[in-house]
Amino acid sequence: MNERPLDVLIVEDEVLLATELEFLVEEVGCHPVGMAMSSDEAMAMASDLRPDLALVDVHLRDGPTGVDVARSIHDDCGGVALFMTANVKRLPDDFAGACGVIGKPYSEHGVKTALSYLTICLREGRAPGPPPVGLELSPAYAERWGLTVLPRAS
């Protein structure tokens, strides 16, 4: 089975973190298509590149605009966003259309495990089991991928 790797857009305004994420994306066999540091840059790149998955921080160079970016990627580009943020509690209940969140600080292993898991979910349209530790799926995607939806911890 020779499937094309997922195209992944990285939306992160800290250059070192963005570069590390690019490396981790490549390590799990995905294809990084670009790095954006502001909401305008992210939305333009998502519109042009149509990534399969976007890793999105909530706080970008132009403020707490990551939620708008995730919603735009979902609504306008047909892509899937995954929040990677220290501001998990700031996410709206609908996750702005994103498939879930990984809270910062995260580990290399946690990111790679989550990316591998999401690759299976996106390719097969169902989850291979419960999400790995550190990855919280949105209720909509958990349901879409055949998992029991639990109420969100507050």
C-alpha atoms as a PDB file:
ATOM      1  CA  MET A   1       0.000   0.000   0.000  1.00  0.00           C
ATOM      2  CA  ASN A   2       1.851   3.059  -1.253  1.00  0.00           C
ATOM      3  CA  GLU A   3      -0.251   6.007  -0.113  1.00  0.00           C
ATOM      4  CA  ARG A   4       0.950   9.547  -0.505  1.00  0.00           C
ATOM      5  CA  PRO A   5       2.060  11.151   2.747  1.00  0.00           C
ATOM      6  CA  LEU A   6      -0.232  13.661   4.434  1.00  0.00           C
ATOM      7  CA  ASP A   7       0.567  17.283   3.585  1.00  0.00           C
ATOM      8  CA  VAL A   8       0.999  19.196   6.855  1.00  0.00           C
ATOM      9  CA  LEU A   9       1.017  22.973   7.338  1.00  0.00           C
ATOM     10  CA  ILE A  10       2.684  24.250  10.503  1.00  0.00           C
ATOM     11  CA  VAL A  11       1.134  27.400  12.012  1.00  0.00           C
ATOM     12  CA  GLU A  12       3.455  28.457  14.840  1.00  0.00           C
ATOM     13  CA  ASP A  13       5.152  31.817  15.492  1.00  0.00           C
ATOM     14  CA  GLU A  14       8.077  30.460  17.522  1.00  0.00           C
ATOM     15  CA  VAL A  15      10.676  29.565  14.892  1.00  0.00           C
ATOM     16  CA  LEU A  16      12.431  26.882  16.959  1.00  0.00           C
ATOM     17  CA  LEU A  17       9.143  25.136  17.757  1.00  0.00           C
ATOM     18  CA  ALA A  18       8.028  25.354  14.122  1.00  0.00           C
ATOM     19  CA  THR A  19      11.339  23.876  12.954  1.00  0.00           C
ATOM     20  CA  GLU A  20      11.109  21.068  15.519  1.00  0.00           C
ATOM     21  CA  LEU A  21       7.542  20.305  14.409  1.00  0.00           C
ATOM     22  CA  GLU A  22       8.670  20.213  10.779  1.00  0.00           C
ATOM     23  CA  PHE A  23      11.296  17.624  11.737  1.00  0.00           C
ATOM     24  CA  LEU A  24       8.754  15.521  13.694  1.00  0.00           C
ATOM     25  CA  VAL A  25       6.258  15.686  10.798  1.00  0.00           C
ATOM     26  CA  GLU A  26       8.940  14.318   8.457  1.00  0.00           C
ATOM     27  CA  GLU A  27       9.984  11.635  10.963  1.00  0.00           C
ATOM     28  CA  VAL A  28       6.478  10.097  10.973  1.00  0.00           C
ATOM     29  CA  GLY A  29       6.354  10.032   7.174  1.00  0.00           C
ATOM     30  CA  CYS A  30       4.234  13.119   6.580  1.00  0.00           C
ATOM     31  CA  HIS A  31       5.155  15.946   4.200  1.00  0.00           C
ATOM     32  CA  PRO A  32       5.562  19.456   5.671  1.00  0.00           C
ATOM     33  CA  VAL A  33       4.306  21.930   3.064  1.00  0.00           C
ATOM     34  CA  GLY A  34       5.095  25.189   4.840  1.00  0.00           C
ATOM     35  CA  MET A  35       5.341  27.230   8.017  1.00  0.00           C
ATOM     36  CA  ALA A  36       3.156  30.247   8.797  1.00  0.00           C
ATOM     37  CA  MET A  37       3.675  32.651  11.690  1.00  0.00           C
ATOM     38  CA  SER A  38       0.585  34.888  11.448  1.00  0.00           C
ATOM     39  CA  SER A  39      -3.087  34.331  10.708  1.00  0.00           C
ATOM     40  CA  ASP A  40      -2.935  36.084   7.304  1.00  0.00           C
ATOM     41  CA  GLU A  41       0.068  34.000   6.259  1.00  0.00           C
ATOM     42  CA  ALA A  42      -1.588  30.795   7.523  1.00  0.00           C
ATOM     43  CA  MET A  43      -4.874  31.421   5.722  1.00  0.00           C
ATOM     44  CA  ALA A  44      -3.131  32.331   2.454  1.00  0.00           C
ATOM     45  CA  MET A  45      -0.915  29.234   2.622  1.00  0.00           C
ATOM     46  CA  ALA A  46      -3.854  26.968   3.548  1.00  0.00           C
ATOM     47  CA  SER A  47      -5.864  28.334   0.632  1.00  0.00           C
ATOM     48  CA  ASP A  48      -2.965  27.827  -1.814  1.00  0.00           C
ATOM     49  CA  LEU A  49      -1.590  24.530  -0.524  1.00  0.00           C
ATOM     50  CA  ARG A  50      -4.773  22.766   0.688  1.00  0.00           C
ATOM     51  CA  PRO A  51      -2.980  20.764   3.421  1.00  0.00           C
ATOM     52  CA  ASP A  52      -4.502  17.557   4.758  1.00  0.00           C
ATOM     53  CA  LEU A  53      -3.620  18.629   8.297  1.00  0.00           C
ATOM     54  CA  ALA A  54      -2.554  21.922   9.895  1.00  0.00           C
ATOM     55  CA  LEU A  55      -0.829  22.096  13.288  1.00  0.00           C
ATOM     56  CA  VAL A  56      -2.100  25.388  14.736  1.00  0.00           C
ATOM     57  CA  ASP A  57      -0.999  27.370  17.784  1.00  0.00           C
ATOM     58  CA  VAL A  58      -3.641  29.658  19.320  1.00  0.00           C
ATOM     59  CA  HIS A  59      -1.286  32.621  19.884  1.00  0.00           C
ATOM     60  CA  LEU A  60       0.397  33.762  16.689  1.00  0.00           C
ATOM     61  CA  ARG A  61       2.477  36.794  15.758  1.00  0.00           C
ATOM     62  CA  ASP A  62      -0.687  38.872  15.331  1.00  0.00           C
ATOM     63  CA  GLY A  63      -2.352  37.776  18.588  1.00  0.00           C
ATOM     64  CA  PRO A  64      -4.722  34.991  19.651  1.00  0.00           C
ATOM     65  CA  THR A  65      -5.843  34.339  16.070  1.00  0.00           C
ATOM     66  CA  GLY A  66      -5.221  30.585  15.820  1.00  0.00           C
ATOM     67  CA  VAL A  67      -8.886  29.789  16.487  1.00  0.00           C
ATOM     68  CA  ASP A  68      -9.867  31.850  13.408  1.00  0.00           C
ATOM     69  CA  VAL A  69      -7.180  30.080  11.370  1.00  0.00           C
ATOM     70  CA  ALA A  70      -8.457  26.638  12.390  1.00  0.00           C
ATOM     71  CA  ARG A  71     -12.051  27.597  11.554  1.00  0.00           C
ATOM     72  CA  SER A  72     -10.981  28.944   8.142  1.00  0.00           C
ATOM     73  CA  ILE A  73      -8.949  25.820   7.336  1.00  0.00           C
ATOM     74  CA  HIS A  74     -11.980  23.688   8.202  1.00  0.00           C
ATOM     75  CA  ASP A  75     -14.691  25.841   6.600  1.00  0.00           C
ATOM     76  CA  ASP A  76     -12.908  27.350   3.588  1.00  0.00           C
ATOM     77  CA  CYS A  77     -10.159  24.873   2.686  1.00  0.00           C
ATOM     78  CA  GLY A  78     -11.712  21.534   3.647  1.00  0.00           C
ATOM     79  CA  GLY A  79      -8.645  20.733   5.732  1.00  0.00           C
ATOM     80  CA  VAL A  80      -8.247  19.449   9.249  1.00  0.00           C
ATOM     81  CA  ALA A  81      -6.613  21.515  11.979  1.00  0.00           C
ATOM     82  CA  LEU A  82      -5.035  20.244  15.184  1.00  0.00           C
ATOM     83  CA  PHE A  83      -4.396  22.774  17.925  1.00  0.00           C
ATOM     84  CA  MET A  84      -1.000  22.671  19.614  1.00  0.00           C
ATOM     85  CA  THR A  85      -1.266  25.171  22.420  1.00  0.00           C
ATOM     86  CA  ALA A  86      -0.659  25.985  26.056  1.00  0.00           C
ATOM     87  CA  ASN A  87      -4.104  27.641  26.003  1.00  0.00           C
ATOM     88  CA  VAL A  88      -6.283  24.513  25.886  1.00  0.00           C
ATOM     89  CA  LYS A  89      -8.963  26.092  28.096  1.00  0.00           C
ATOM     90  CA  ARG A  90      -9.371  28.975  25.620  1.00  0.00           C
ATOM     91  CA  LEU A  91     -10.623  26.718  22.837  1.00  0.00           C
ATOM     92  CA  PRO A  92     -14.328  26.984  22.001  1.00  0.00           C
ATOM     93  CA  ASP A  93     -16.494  23.947  22.766  1.00  0.00           C
ATOM     94  CA  ASP A  94     -16.705  23.103  19.051  1.00  0.00           C
ATOM     95  CA  PHE A  95     -12.877  23.308  18.765  1.00  0.00           C
ATOM     96  CA  ALA A  96     -13.430  25.796  15.882  1.00  0.00           C
ATOM     97  CA  GLY A  97     -13.823  22.783  13.600  1.00  0.00           C
ATOM     98  CA  ALA A  98     -10.410  21.353  14.578  1.00  0.00           C
ATOM     99  CA  CYS A  99     -10.026  17.617  15.158  1.00  0.00           C
ATOM    100  CA  GLY A 100      -8.458  18.085  18.578  1.00  0.00           C
ATOM    101  CA  VAL A 101      -5.659  19.527  20.657  1.00  0.00           C
ATOM    102  CA  ILE A 102      -2.245  18.652  22.031  1.00  0.00           C
ATOM    103  CA  GLY A 103      -1.431  20.764  25.068  1.00  0.00           C
ATOM    104  CA  LYS A 104       1.971  22.424  25.447  1.00  0.00           C
ATOM    105  CA  PRO A 105       4.427  21.533  26.703  1.00  0.00           C
ATOM    106  CA  TYR A 106       4.397  18.370  24.605  1.00  0.00           C
ATOM    107  CA  SER A 107       7.012  15.705  24.062  1.00  0.00           C
ATOM    108  CA  GLU A 108       8.560  14.563  20.795  1.00  0.00           C
ATOM    109  CA  HIS A 109       7.127  11.109  21.405  1.00  0.00           C
ATOM    110  CA  GLY A 110       3.661  12.557  22.121  1.00  0.00           C
ATOM    111  CA  VAL A 111       3.606  14.567  18.890  1.00  0.00           C
ATOM    112  CA  LYS A 112       4.853  11.671  16.769  1.00  0.00           C
ATOM    113  CA  THR A 113       2.347   9.249  18.324  1.00  0.00           C
ATOM    114  CA  ALA A 114      -0.508  11.727  17.779  1.00  0.00           C
ATOM    115  CA  LEU A 115       0.511  12.365  14.143  1.00  0.00           C
ATOM    116  CA  SER A 116       0.688   8.639  13.427  1.00  0.00           C
ATOM    117  CA  TYR A 117      -2.727   8.149  15.045  1.00  0.00           C
ATOM    118  CA  LEU A 118      -4.286  11.046  13.095  1.00  0.00           C
ATOM    119  CA  THR A 119      -2.786   9.761   9.834  1.00  0.00           C
ATOM    120  CA  ILE A 120      -4.724   6.500  10.317  1.00  0.00           C
ATOM    121  CA  CYS A 121      -7.906   8.383  11.293  1.00  0.00           C
ATOM    122  CA  LEU A 122      -7.724  10.665   8.243  1.00  0.00           C
ATOM    123  CA  ARG A 123      -6.895   7.856   5.802  1.00  0.00           C
ATOM    124  CA  GLU A 124      -9.388   5.284   7.066  1.00  0.00           C
ATOM    125  CA  GLY A 125     -12.136   7.585   8.347  1.00  0.00           C
ATOM    126  CA  ARG A 126     -12.127   5.813  11.693  1.00  0.00           C
ATOM    127  CA  ALA A 127      -9.968   5.680  14.790  1.00  0.00           C
ATOM    128  CA  PRO A 128      -7.710   2.667  15.396  1.00  0.00           C
ATOM    129  CA  GLY A 129      -8.623   2.873  19.095  1.00  0.00           C
ATOM    130  CA  PRO A 130      -8.667   5.534  21.790  1.00  0.00           C
ATOM    131  CA  PRO A 131      -6.424   8.560  21.187  1.00  0.00           C
ATOM    132  CA  PRO A 132      -2.894   8.406  22.575  1.00  0.00           C
ATOM    133  CA  VAL A 133      -2.053  10.173  25.823  1.00  0.00           C
ATOM    134  CA  GLY A 134      -1.712  13.904  25.258  1.00  0.00           C
ATOM    135  CA  LEU A 135      -4.152  14.090  22.334  1.00  0.00           C
ATOM    136  CA  GLU A 136      -7.699  15.258  23.082  1.00  0.00           C
ATOM    137  CA  LEU A 137     -10.069  14.768  20.162  1.00  0.00           C
ATOM    138  CA  SER A 138     -12.935  17.183  19.584  1.00  0.00           C
ATOM    139  CA  PRO A 139     -16.366  15.632  20.201  1.00  0.00           C
ATOM    140  CA  ALA A 140     -17.286  16.001  16.503  1.00  0.00           C
ATOM    141  CA  TYR A 141     -14.202  14.134  15.261  1.00  0.00           C
ATOM    142  CA  ALA A 142     -14.353  11.513  18.009  1.00  0.00           C
ATOM    143  CA  GLU A 143     -17.916  10.761  16.893  1.00  0.00           C
ATOM    144  CA  ARG A 144     -16.958  10.883  13.187  1.00  0.00           C
ATOM    145  CA  TRP A 145     -14.154   8.400  13.815  1.00  0.00           C
ATOM    146  CA  GLY A 146     -16.343   5.999  15.806  1.00  0.00           C
ATOM    147  CA  LEU A 147     -15.283   6.739  19.381  1.00  0.00           C
ATOM    148  CA  THR A 148     -17.513   7.243  22.394  1.00  0.00           C
ATOM    149  CA  VAL A 149     -17.770  10.951  23.104  1.00  0.00           C
ATOM    150  CA  LEU A 150     -17.102  11.965  26.691  1.00  0.00           C
ATOM    151  CA  PRO A 151     -17.988  15.376  28.098  1.00  0.00           C
ATOM    152  CA  ARG A 152     -15.069  17.807  27.991  1.00  0.00           C
ATOM    153  CA  ALA A 153     -13.157  18.283  31.224  1.00  0.00           C
ATOM    154  CA  SER A 154     -13.528  21.816  32.555  1.00  0.00           C
END
